[in-house]
Amino acid sequence: MKSDLKEFGETSLVTRLERNQNDLLKMKSTLSSYTCEPRTPSLFERYESLKHKLENLSNTNGEIIQSLKVHKKSVSKYVERAKEQFKECYQLQKGVEDYVTGARNH
């Protein structure tokens, strides 16, 4: 994420967060695929951890979107939270990719 979020208006920040939400839904769908079912205790633990993180991140993302859309909160209050959301989403995506690779190889 190279650009400074402080330059973003409410609409563009909400749009980025909505894209982030769509990415989270795609990751959840990928994890739910039968080809990614955990086959070992270790994979099961990773699967549960990723699922939990996805749920938490999705909920937080949705809360920020709602606050910006419905409650018309100031964008500046959410810039740091949004940056953290994007960072966590990226890290989670890497974790899901690693898990999927491991699950499909077992």
N, C-alpha and C. Protein backbone atom coordinates (compact mmCIF):
# COMPACT_ATOMS: atom_id res chain seq x y z
N MET A 1 0.83 -1.16 0.00
CA MET A 1 0.00 0.00 0.00
C MET A 1 0.89 1.23 0.00
N LYS A 2 1.13 1.74 -1.15
CA LYS A 2 2.08 2.83 -1.31
C LYS A 2 1.47 4.20 -1.07
N SER A 3 0.21 4.40 -1.45
CA SER A 3 -0.37 5.73 -1.34
C SER A 3 -0.77 6.04 0.09
N ASP A 4 -0.78 7.31 0.41
CA ASP A 4 -1.12 7.76 1.74
C ASP A 4 -2.63 7.84 1.87
N LEU A 5 -3.20 7.13 2.83
CA LEU A 5 -4.65 7.09 2.99
C LEU A 5 -5.23 8.43 3.41
N LYS A 6 -4.42 9.31 3.93
CA LYS A 6 -4.94 10.61 4.34
C LYS A 6 -5.45 11.40 3.14
N GLU A 7 -4.97 11.07 1.96
CA GLU A 7 -5.41 11.75 0.75
C GLU A 7 -6.76 11.21 0.28
N PHE A 8 -7.18 10.07 0.81
CA PHE A 8 -8.41 9.45 0.39
C PHE A 8 -9.61 10.17 0.99
N GLY A 9 -10.65 10.27 0.20
CA GLY A 9 -11.90 10.76 0.72
C GLY A 9 -12.69 9.58 1.26
N GLU A 10 -13.84 9.88 1.79
CA GLU A 10 -14.69 8.84 2.37
C GLU A 10 -15.05 7.78 1.33
N THR A 11 -15.42 8.20 0.14
CA THR A 11 -15.85 7.26 -0.89
C THR A 11 -14.74 6.31 -1.29
N SER A 12 -13.55 6.83 -1.52
CA SER A 12 -12.46 5.95 -1.95
C SER A 12 -12.00 5.03 -0.82
N LEU A 13 -12.06 5.49 0.42
CA LEU A 13 -11.69 4.63 1.54
C LEU A 13 -12.71 3.51 1.69
N VAL A 14 -13.97 3.85 1.58
CA VAL A 14 -15.03 2.83 1.65
C VAL A 14 -14.86 1.83 0.50
N THR A 15 -14.55 2.32 -0.69
CA THR A 15 -14.35 1.44 -1.84
C THR A 15 -13.20 0.48 -1.60
N ARG A 16 -12.10 0.97 -1.07
CA ARG A 16 -10.96 0.10 -0.76
C ARG A 16 -11.33 -0.95 0.29
N LEU A 17 -12.07 -0.52 1.31
CA LEU A 17 -12.49 -1.44 2.35
C LEU A 17 -13.47 -2.49 1.80
N GLU A 18 -14.34 -2.08 0.89
CA GLU A 18 -15.27 -3.04 0.27
C GLU A 18 -14.52 -4.05 -0.58
N ARG A 19 -13.51 -3.60 -1.30
CA ARG A 19 -12.67 -4.55 -2.06
C ARG A 19 -11.97 -5.51 -1.11
N ASN A 20 -11.50 -4.98 -0.02
CA ASN A 20 -10.86 -5.79 1.02
C ASN A 20 -11.86 -6.84 1.52
N GLN A 21 -13.10 -6.43 1.73
CA GLN A 21 -14.14 -7.35 2.20
C GLN A 21 -14.39 -8.45 1.16
N ASN A 22 -14.40 -8.09 -0.11
CA ASN A 22 -14.57 -9.09 -1.17
C ASN A 22 -13.41 -10.08 -1.18
N ASP A 23 -12.21 -9.59 -0.96
CA ASP A 23 -11.05 -10.48 -0.89
C ASP A 23 -11.19 -11.45 0.28
N LEU A 24 -11.69 -10.96 1.40
CA LEU A 24 -11.89 -11.81 2.57
C LEU A 24 -12.93 -12.90 2.28
N LEU A 25 -13.98 -12.53 1.56
CA LEU A 25 -15.00 -13.52 1.21
C LEU A 25 -14.44 -14.58 0.26
N LYS A 26 -13.59 -14.16 -0.67
CA LYS A 26 -12.95 -15.13 -1.58
C LYS A 26 -12.04 -16.08 -0.81
N MET A 27 -11.30 -15.53 0.17
CA MET A 27 -10.43 -16.40 0.98
C MET A 27 -11.26 -17.40 1.78
N LYS A 28 -12.38 -16.94 2.32
CA LYS A 28 -13.26 -17.82 3.08
C LYS A 28 -13.80 -18.93 2.18
N SER A 29 -14.17 -18.57 0.98
CA SER A 29 -14.67 -19.55 0.01
C SER A 29 -13.58 -20.56 -0.35
N THR A 30 -12.37 -20.08 -0.53
CA THR A 30 -11.24 -20.97 -0.84
C THR A 30 -11.01 -21.95 0.29
N LEU A 31 -11.03 -21.45 1.52
CA LEU A 31 -10.82 -22.33 2.67
C LEU A 31 -11.93 -23.37 2.81
N SER A 32 -13.13 -23.00 2.38
CA SER A 32 -14.28 -23.91 2.50
C SER A 32 -14.30 -24.99 1.41
N SER A 33 -13.45 -24.86 0.43
CA SER A 33 -13.40 -25.83 -0.65
C SER A 33 -13.01 -27.21 -0.12
N TYR A 34 -13.63 -28.23 -0.69
CA TYR A 34 -13.32 -29.60 -0.25
C TYR A 34 -11.86 -29.96 -0.50
N THR A 35 -11.23 -29.32 -1.45
CA THR A 35 -9.81 -29.62 -1.73
C THR A 35 -8.89 -29.07 -0.65
N CYS A 36 -9.44 -28.23 0.22
CA CYS A 36 -8.62 -27.63 1.28
C CYS A 36 -8.96 -28.17 2.65
N GLU A 37 -9.71 -29.24 2.71
CA GLU A 37 -10.05 -29.82 4.01
C GLU A 37 -8.77 -30.27 4.71
N PRO A 38 -8.67 -29.97 6.00
CA PRO A 38 -7.47 -30.38 6.74
C PRO A 38 -7.42 -31.91 6.89
N ARG A 39 -6.25 -32.46 6.65
CA ARG A 39 -6.08 -33.91 6.72
C ARG A 39 -5.17 -34.35 7.86
N THR A 40 -4.59 -33.39 8.54
CA THR A 40 -3.72 -33.70 9.67
C THR A 40 -4.10 -32.77 10.83
N PRO A 41 -3.74 -33.14 12.04
CA PRO A 41 -4.03 -32.25 13.19
C PRO A 41 -3.40 -30.86 13.03
N SER A 42 -2.21 -30.83 12.49
CA SER A 42 -1.53 -29.55 12.28
C SER A 42 -2.29 -28.67 11.29
N LEU A 43 -2.73 -29.28 10.18
CA LEU A 43 -3.51 -28.52 9.20
C LEU A 43 -4.84 -28.07 9.78
N PHE A 44 -5.45 -28.92 10.62
CA PHE A 44 -6.71 -28.56 11.25
C PHE A 44 -6.53 -27.32 12.13
N GLU A 45 -5.46 -27.28 12.90
CA GLU A 45 -5.19 -26.12 13.76
C GLU A 45 -4.98 -24.86 12.93
N ARG A 46 -4.22 -24.98 11.86
CA ARG A 46 -4.00 -23.83 10.97
C ARG A 46 -5.31 -23.37 10.34
N TYR A 47 -6.10 -24.35 9.91
CA TYR A 47 -7.40 -24.07 9.28
C TYR A 47 -8.30 -23.29 10.25
N GLU A 48 -8.42 -23.76 11.46
CA GLU A 48 -9.26 -23.11 12.47
C GLU A 48 -8.75 -21.70 12.79
N SER A 49 -7.44 -21.57 12.89
CA SER A 49 -6.86 -20.26 13.17
C SER A 49 -7.15 -19.27 12.03
N LEU A 50 -6.96 -19.71 10.80
CA LEU A 50 -7.23 -18.85 9.65
C LEU A 50 -8.70 -18.48 9.57
N LYS A 51 -9.56 -19.45 9.82
CA LYS A 51 -11.00 -19.21 9.79
C LYS A 51 -11.39 -18.16 10.83
N HIS A 52 -10.82 -18.29 12.02
CA HIS A 52 -11.10 -17.34 13.10
C HIS A 52 -10.60 -15.94 12.73
N LYS A 53 -9.40 -15.86 12.19
CA LYS A 53 -8.84 -14.56 11.79
C LYS A 53 -9.68 -13.93 10.68
N LEU A 54 -10.11 -14.75 9.72
CA LEU A 54 -10.96 -14.26 8.64
C LEU A 54 -12.25 -13.66 9.18
N GLU A 55 -12.88 -14.35 10.11
CA GLU A 55 -14.13 -13.87 10.70
C GLU A 55 -13.91 -12.54 11.41
N ASN A 56 -12.87 -12.48 12.24
CA ASN A 56 -12.59 -11.24 12.98
C ASN A 56 -12.29 -10.08 12.05
N LEU A 57 -11.46 -10.32 11.06
CA LEU A 57 -11.08 -9.26 10.12
C LEU A 57 -12.29 -8.80 9.31
N SER A 58 -13.11 -9.73 8.90
CA SER A 58 -14.31 -9.40 8.14
C SER A 58 -15.28 -8.57 8.99
N ASN A 59 -15.45 -8.95 10.24
CA ASN A 59 -16.34 -8.20 11.14
C ASN A 59 -15.84 -6.78 11.35
N THR A 60 -14.55 -6.65 11.62
CA THR A 60 -13.97 -5.32 11.84
C THR A 60 -14.08 -4.46 10.58
N ASN A 61 -13.79 -5.07 9.46
CA ASN A 61 -13.89 -4.38 8.17
C ASN A 61 -15.32 -3.87 7.97
N GLY A 62 -16.29 -4.74 8.23
CA GLY A 62 -17.69 -4.35 8.08
C GLY A 62 -18.08 -3.22 9.02
N GLU A 63 -17.57 -3.25 10.24
CA GLU A 63 -17.85 -2.19 11.21
C GLU A 63 -17.32 -0.84 10.72
N ILE A 64 -16.12 -0.85 10.18
CA ILE A 64 -15.53 0.41 9.68
C ILE A 64 -16.36 0.92 8.50
N ILE A 65 -16.72 0.02 7.59
CA ILE A 65 -17.52 0.43 6.42
C ILE A 65 -18.84 1.03 6.89
N GLN A 66 -19.51 0.35 7.82
CA GLN A 66 -20.79 0.85 8.34
C GLN A 66 -20.62 2.21 8.99
N SER A 67 -19.57 2.36 9.78
CA SER A 67 -19.35 3.64 10.46
C SER A 67 -19.16 4.77 9.46
N LEU A 68 -18.44 4.49 8.40
CA LEU A 68 -18.20 5.53 7.40
C LEU A 68 -19.44 5.81 6.56
N LYS A 69 -20.20 4.77 6.22
CA LYS A 69 -21.37 4.94 5.36
C LYS A 69 -22.59 5.45 6.11
N VAL A 70 -22.95 4.74 7.14
CA VAL A 70 -24.21 5.00 7.82
C VAL A 70 -24.10 6.15 8.82
N HIS A 71 -23.07 6.09 9.62
CA HIS A 71 -22.95 7.09 10.69
C HIS A 71 -22.23 8.34 10.25
N LYS A 72 -21.75 8.33 9.03
CA LYS A 72 -21.06 9.50 8.46
C LYS A 72 -19.93 10.00 9.36
N LYS A 73 -19.15 9.04 9.84
CA LYS A 73 -18.00 9.39 10.69
C LYS A 73 -16.90 10.01 9.83
N SER A 74 -16.04 10.76 10.48
CA SER A 74 -14.93 11.40 9.80
C SER A 74 -13.93 10.34 9.32
N VAL A 75 -13.47 10.48 8.09
CA VAL A 75 -12.51 9.55 7.51
C VAL A 75 -11.22 9.54 8.31
N SER A 76 -10.81 10.69 8.80
CA SER A 76 -9.53 10.78 9.50
C SER A 76 -9.49 9.89 10.74
N LYS A 77 -10.65 9.63 11.34
CA LYS A 77 -10.69 8.76 12.52
C LYS A 77 -10.41 7.31 12.16
N TYR A 78 -10.58 6.97 10.91
CA TYR A 78 -10.48 5.57 10.50
C TYR A 78 -9.27 5.26 9.62
N VAL A 79 -8.47 6.25 9.33
CA VAL A 79 -7.33 6.04 8.44
C VAL A 79 -6.37 4.99 9.00
N GLU A 80 -5.99 5.12 10.26
CA GLU A 80 -5.04 4.17 10.86
C GLU A 80 -5.65 2.77 10.95
N ARG A 81 -6.93 2.70 11.33
CA ARG A 81 -7.59 1.40 11.40
C ARG A 81 -7.64 0.75 10.02
N ALA A 82 -7.91 1.56 9.00
CA ALA A 82 -7.98 1.04 7.64
C ALA A 82 -6.61 0.53 7.20
N LYS A 83 -5.56 1.27 7.50
CA LYS A 83 -4.20 0.83 7.16
C LYS A 83 -3.92 -0.52 7.81
N GLU A 84 -4.30 -0.66 9.07
CA GLU A 84 -4.09 -1.91 9.79
C GLU A 84 -4.91 -3.04 9.15
N GLN A 85 -6.13 -2.73 8.74
CA GLN A 85 -6.97 -3.73 8.07
C GLN A 85 -6.31 -4.24 6.79
N PHE A 86 -5.79 -3.32 5.99
CA PHE A 86 -5.15 -3.71 4.73
C PHE A 86 -3.93 -4.57 4.99
N LYS A 87 -3.16 -4.20 5.99
CA LYS A 87 -1.95 -4.96 6.35
C LYS A 87 -2.33 -6.36 6.82
N GLU A 88 -3.31 -6.45 7.71
CA GLU A 88 -3.74 -7.75 8.22
C GLU A 88 -4.34 -8.61 7.12
N CYS A 89 -5.07 -8.01 6.21
CA CYS A 89 -5.65 -8.76 5.10
C CYS A 89 -4.55 -9.35 4.22
N TYR A 90 -3.53 -8.56 3.95
CA TYR A 90 -2.41 -9.04 3.14
C TYR A 90 -1.72 -10.22 3.83
N GLN A 91 -1.47 -10.09 5.13
CA GLN A 91 -0.83 -11.17 5.88
C GLN A 91 -1.70 -12.42 5.91
N LEU A 92 -2.99 -12.22 6.08
CA LEU A 92 -3.92 -13.34 6.10
C LEU A 92 -3.96 -14.03 4.74
N GLN A 93 -3.92 -13.25 3.69
CA GLN A 93 -3.92 -13.82 2.35
C GLN A 93 -2.71 -14.72 2.14
N LYS A 94 -1.57 -14.28 2.61
CA LYS A 94 -0.36 -15.11 2.51
C LYS A 94 -0.53 -16.39 3.32
N GLY A 95 -1.12 -16.28 4.52
CA GLY A 95 -1.36 -17.45 5.35
C GLY A 95 -2.31 -18.43 4.69
N VAL A 96 -3.35 -17.93 4.06
CA VAL A 96 -4.31 -18.79 3.37
C VAL A 96 -3.63 -19.48 2.18
N GLU A 97 -2.83 -18.73 1.44
CA GLU A 97 -2.12 -19.32 0.30
C GLU A 97 -1.19 -20.44 0.76
N ASP A 98 -0.47 -20.21 1.84
CA ASP A 98 0.43 -21.24 2.39
C ASP A 98 -0.36 -22.46 2.84
N TYR A 99 -1.47 -22.22 3.52
CA TYR A 99 -2.31 -23.32 4.00
C TYR A 99 -2.85 -24.14 2.82
N VAL A 100 -3.37 -23.46 1.81
CA VAL A 100 -3.95 -24.13 0.65
C VAL A 100 -2.90 -25.00 -0.03
N THR A 101 -1.72 -24.47 -0.18
CA THR A 101 -0.62 -25.25 -0.78
C THR A 101 -0.34 -26.49 0.05
N GLY A 102 -0.23 -26.34 1.36
CA GLY A 102 0.03 -27.45 2.25
C GLY A 102 -1.09 -28.47 2.26
N ALA A 103 -2.35 -27.99 2.27
CA ALA A 103 -3.51 -28.88 2.32
C ALA A 103 -3.63 -29.70 1.04
N ARG A 104 -3.33 -29.09 -0.07
CA ARG A 104 -3.47 -29.79 -1.36
C ARG A 104 -2.33 -30.76 -1.60
N ASN A 105 -1.22 -30.58 -0.89
CA ASN A 105 -0.08 -31.48 -1.06
C ASN A 105 -0.14 -32.68 -0.13
N HIS A 106 -1.08 -32.69 0.81
CA HIS A 106 -1.18 -33.83 1.73
C HIS A 106 -2.12 -34.86 1.20
